Amino acid sequence: MKFMNPFLIIALVFCWAFPGNAADTSGLAQTILDGIEDRYAGKSFSADFFQTSTLSALDIKETASGRALFSHPGKMKWQYLSPERHDIITNGTNLWIFRPEENQVMRGNAARFFQSGAGGAFLSDISLIRKNYTVSVKNAADEWVELLLEDMSDNPDIQRIIIRVSRNRFLISTVTTKNAFGDTTRFVFTDIRFRNIPDDRFEFTIPSGVNMLDME
């Protein structure tokens, strides 16, 4: 059974409620946030990803994998290679979801789907974390820190995000999300490479003969 509709795939929506003493960890949260801003701000990078999505109401879990490209500000390309091929592409303004096996392209406004950093948009503009979320430490170990990002806008699709960040290089290795309905999505990123990525990688030309649908 397939449940990852286009909005669910790109929503990456998140999280849990976590106890903690903000006074004890605010300094660490600030240090890690400063570190990832320095590492990611204004930069392009690529990474392999493994995704686990759970639809709480139906008790369904699915996995997927592929490679993703990110470029500041707001440019992303998620290339899903398994279990089926499809691409999610945005140049920061337009959004395309291309499913070659179904001969279909869905087209929409990127701002509607990626508002406040949804859909992994904060990875292509790291300043969205500080602008749209309160940040605290959920957990910490010698090699990594998990930050809890709580949305400040009461958006049911974007409630909380957990990111795991390495202490030594400030790389984001996992993003775990949960929405108001209890649906969770977890991404594990590997082979993270900071490099120049041409802007045309985030554009999409609709092939001739492909069925096109506009997303409301």
Protein backbone atom coordinates (compact mmCIF):
# COMPACT_ATOMS: atom_id res chain seq x y z
CA MET A 1 0.00 0.00 0.00
CA LYS A 2 1.31 3.46 -0.86
CA PHE A 3 0.57 6.34 1.45
CA MET A 4 3.30 8.86 0.70
CA ASN A 5 1.25 11.38 -1.26
CA PRO A 6 3.12 14.41 -2.63
CA PHE A 7 2.31 16.65 0.30
CA LEU A 8 3.32 14.02 2.87
CA ILE A 9 6.58 13.32 1.06
CA ILE A 10 7.65 16.95 1.00
CA ALA A 11 6.27 17.93 4.37
CA LEU A 12 8.94 16.16 6.48
CA VAL A 13 6.80 17.05 9.48
CA PHE A 14 7.84 16.30 12.96
CA CYS A 15 8.37 15.34 16.57
CA TRP A 16 7.97 14.51 20.29
CA ALA A 17 7.65 16.29 23.62
CA PHE A 18 10.89 16.21 25.57
CA PRO A 19 11.76 17.13 29.15
CA GLY A 20 14.83 19.19 29.89
CA ASN A 21 16.25 22.12 31.79
CA ALA A 22 16.65 25.00 29.36
CA ALA A 23 18.87 26.91 31.78
CA ASP A 24 21.33 24.01 31.87
CA THR A 25 21.56 23.52 28.09
CA SER A 26 20.90 26.92 26.50
CA GLY A 27 24.62 27.57 26.12
CA LEU A 28 25.19 24.26 24.37
CA ALA A 29 22.18 24.82 22.09
CA GLN A 30 23.56 28.22 21.11
CA THR A 31 27.02 26.78 20.41
CA ILE A 32 25.63 24.04 18.17
CA LEU A 33 23.28 26.45 16.38
CA ASP A 34 26.15 28.87 15.74
CA GLY A 35 28.21 25.94 14.43
CA ILE A 36 25.65 24.69 11.94
CA GLU A 37 24.93 28.22 10.74
CA ASP A 38 28.63 28.68 10.04
CA ARG A 39 28.83 25.28 8.31
CA TYR A 40 25.67 25.55 6.14
CA ALA A 41 24.89 29.25 5.63
CA GLY A 42 24.97 30.25 1.97
CA LYS A 43 26.47 26.94 0.85
CA SER A 44 25.51 24.13 -1.50
CA PHE A 45 25.84 20.46 -0.63
CA SER A 46 24.72 16.98 -1.60
CA ALA A 47 24.01 13.88 0.50
CA ASP A 48 22.67 10.37 0.28
CA PHE A 49 19.54 9.82 2.37
CA PHE A 50 17.54 6.98 3.84
CA GLN A 51 13.95 7.86 4.76
CA THR A 52 11.55 6.12 7.13
CA SER A 53 7.96 7.41 7.11
CA THR A 54 5.20 6.30 9.48
CA LEU A 55 1.52 7.10 9.08
CA SER A 56 0.25 6.86 12.64
CA ALA A 57 -3.48 6.51 11.97
CA LEU A 58 -3.00 3.47 9.73
CA ASP A 59 0.04 2.05 11.51
CA ILE A 60 1.93 1.92 8.21
CA LYS A 61 5.68 2.29 7.79
CA GLU A 62 7.56 2.76 4.53
CA THR A 63 11.18 3.33 3.62
CA ALA A 64 12.84 5.05 0.70
CA SER A 65 16.31 6.16 -0.32
CA GLY A 66 18.10 8.37 -2.80
CA ARG A 67 20.29 11.42 -3.12
CA ALA A 68 19.51 15.06 -2.37
CA LEU A 69 20.97 18.39 -3.49
CA PHE A 70 20.62 21.67 -1.60
CA SER A 71 21.59 25.23 -2.49
CA HIS A 72 20.99 28.56 -0.77
CA PRO A 73 18.43 30.00 -0.72
CA GLY A 74 15.59 27.50 -0.97
CA LYS A 75 16.81 25.30 -3.82
CA MET A 76 16.42 21.51 -3.42
CA LYS A 77 16.36 18.36 -5.48
CA TRP A 78 15.33 15.08 -3.85
CA GLN A 79 16.10 12.18 -6.17
CA TYR A 80 14.27 9.10 -4.92
CA LEU A 81 15.84 5.94 -6.32
CA SER A 82 14.11 3.28 -4.21
CA PRO A 83 11.51 1.80 -3.98
CA GLU A 84 10.45 3.74 -7.06
CA ARG A 85 12.02 6.58 -9.00
CA HIS A 86 10.69 10.09 -8.59
CA ASP A 87 12.14 13.58 -8.19
CA ILE A 88 11.07 16.52 -6.04
CA ILE A 89 12.63 19.72 -7.40
CA THR A 90 12.35 23.38 -6.42
CA ASN A 91 14.24 26.47 -7.52
CA GLY A 92 12.93 28.34 -4.50
CA THR A 93 9.85 29.58 -6.34
CA ASN A 94 8.40 26.69 -8.34
CA LEU A 95 7.95 23.08 -7.25
CA TRP A 96 7.86 20.01 -9.49
CA ILE A 97 7.25 16.38 -8.56
CA PHE A 98 8.18 14.10 -11.45
CA ARG A 99 7.12 10.45 -11.49
CA PRO A 100 8.54 8.94 -14.69
CA GLU A 101 6.99 5.51 -14.14
CA GLU A 102 3.56 7.15 -14.03
CA ASN A 103 4.38 9.62 -16.83
CA GLN A 104 3.27 12.44 -14.52
CA VAL A 105 4.48 15.82 -13.31
CA MET A 106 2.84 17.73 -10.47
CA ARG A 107 3.55 21.45 -10.36
CA GLY A 108 3.00 23.91 -7.52
CA ASN A 109 4.13 26.96 -5.58
CA ALA A 110 7.18 26.18 -3.46
CA ALA A 111 6.27 28.73 -0.79
CA ARG A 112 3.03 26.91 0.04
CA PHE A 113 4.74 23.59 0.69
CA PHE A 114 8.02 24.76 2.16
CA GLN A 115 6.86 27.59 4.39
CA SER A 116 8.72 28.02 7.69
CA GLY A 117 11.33 25.49 6.64
CA ALA A 118 8.99 22.60 5.86
CA GLY A 119 10.01 19.89 3.46
CA GLY A 120 13.64 20.16 4.50
CA ALA A 121 13.74 23.78 3.30
CA PHE A 122 15.76 24.82 6.35
CA LEU A 123 18.63 22.71 4.96
CA SER A 124 18.78 25.06 1.97
CA ASP A 125 18.45 28.18 4.13
CA ILE A 126 19.76 27.47 7.61
CA SER A 127 18.68 30.92 8.85
CA LEU A 128 15.08 29.59 8.91
CA ILE A 129 15.88 27.64 12.09
CA ARG A 130 16.56 30.76 14.15
CA LYS A 131 13.71 32.69 12.50
CA ASN A 132 10.95 30.10 12.88
CA TYR A 133 11.82 27.77 15.76
CA THR A 134 12.71 27.84 19.41
CA VAL A 135 15.82 25.71 19.88
CA SER A 136 16.77 23.56 22.87
CA VAL A 137 18.90 20.51 23.58
CA LYS A 138 17.01 17.21 23.60
CA ASN A 139 19.96 14.90 24.16
CA ALA A 140 23.74 14.98 24.03
CA ALA A 141 26.67 12.58 23.84
CA ASP A 142 30.41 12.92 23.40
CA GLU A 143 30.20 12.91 19.58
CA TRP A 144 26.80 14.46 18.87
CA VAL A 145 24.02 16.72 20.12
CA GLU A 146 20.31 16.47 19.32
CA LEU A 147 18.51 19.79 19.03
CA LEU A 148 14.75 20.10 19.42
CA LEU A 149 13.23 22.73 17.11
CA GLU A 150 9.72 23.78 18.09
CA ASP A 151 7.72 25.74 15.55
CA MET A 152 6.54 29.16 16.71
CA SER A 153 3.61 29.48 14.29
CA ASP A 154 1.18 26.77 15.53
CA ASN A 155 1.30 25.14 12.10
CA PRO A 156 -0.12 21.58 12.45
CA ASP A 157 2.12 20.39 9.62
CA ILE A 158 5.28 21.74 11.23
CA GLN A 159 5.30 21.27 14.96
CA ARG A 160 8.71 19.97 15.98
CA ILE A 161 11.94 18.82 14.44
CA ILE A 162 14.84 16.91 15.96
CA ILE A 163 18.21 17.25 14.29
CA ARG A 164 21.30 15.28 15.30
CA VAL A 165 24.48 17.31 14.82
CA SER A 166 28.09 16.14 15.12
CA ARG A 167 30.08 18.06 17.71
CA ASN A 168 33.31 18.15 15.75
CA ARG A 169 32.14 19.13 12.25
CA PHE A 170 28.60 20.46 12.90
CA LEU A 171 27.13 18.17 10.24
CA ILE A 172 23.41 17.34 10.41
CA SER A 173 23.24 13.55 10.18
CA THR A 174 19.55 12.97 10.96
CA VAL A 175 16.32 14.94 10.75
CA THR A 176 13.29 13.49 12.56
CA THR A 177 9.88 15.11 12.30
CA LYS A 178 6.40 14.72 13.71
CA ASN A 179 3.19 16.55 12.84
CA ALA A 180 0.02 17.22 14.80
CA PHE A 181 -1.46 13.90 13.64
CA GLY A 182 1.42 11.82 14.99
CA ASP A 183 2.92 11.05 11.57
CA THR A 184 6.71 10.85 11.63
CA THR A 185 9.46 11.06 9.05
CA ARG A 186 13.13 10.35 9.69
CA PHE A 187 15.98 11.09 7.33
CA VAL A 188 19.49 9.76 7.81
CA PHE A 189 22.08 11.63 5.74
CA THR A 190 25.42 10.15 4.69
CA ASP A 191 28.21 11.12 2.29
CA ILE A 192 27.57 14.84 2.89
CA ARG A 193 29.63 16.89 0.44
CA PHE A 194 29.84 20.69 0.31
CA ARG A 195 30.44 21.78 -3.27
CA ASN A 196 29.30 24.14 -5.98
CA ILE A 197 26.05 22.97 -7.60
CA PRO A 198 24.87 24.77 -10.78
CA ASP A 199 21.50 26.49 -10.51
CA ASP A 200 20.19 24.55 -13.50
CA ARG A 201 20.18 21.38 -11.37
CA PHE A 202 17.19 22.92 -9.57
CA GLU A 203 15.19 23.66 -12.71
CA PHE A 204 12.87 21.25 -14.49
CA THR A 205 11.69 21.15 -18.08
CA ILE A 206 8.45 19.21 -18.43
CA PRO A 207 8.94 16.46 -21.02
CA SER A 208 6.67 16.32 -24.04
CA GLY A 209 3.70 14.02 -23.63
CA VAL A 210 3.84 13.88 -19.82
CA ASN A 211 0.60 14.33 -17.89
CA MET A 212 0.73 17.54 -15.83
CA LEU A 213 -1.28 18.31 -12.70
CA ASP A 214 -1.33 21.59 -10.82
CA MET A 215 -1.21 21.31 -7.02
CA GLU A 216 -3.64 23.64 -5.30
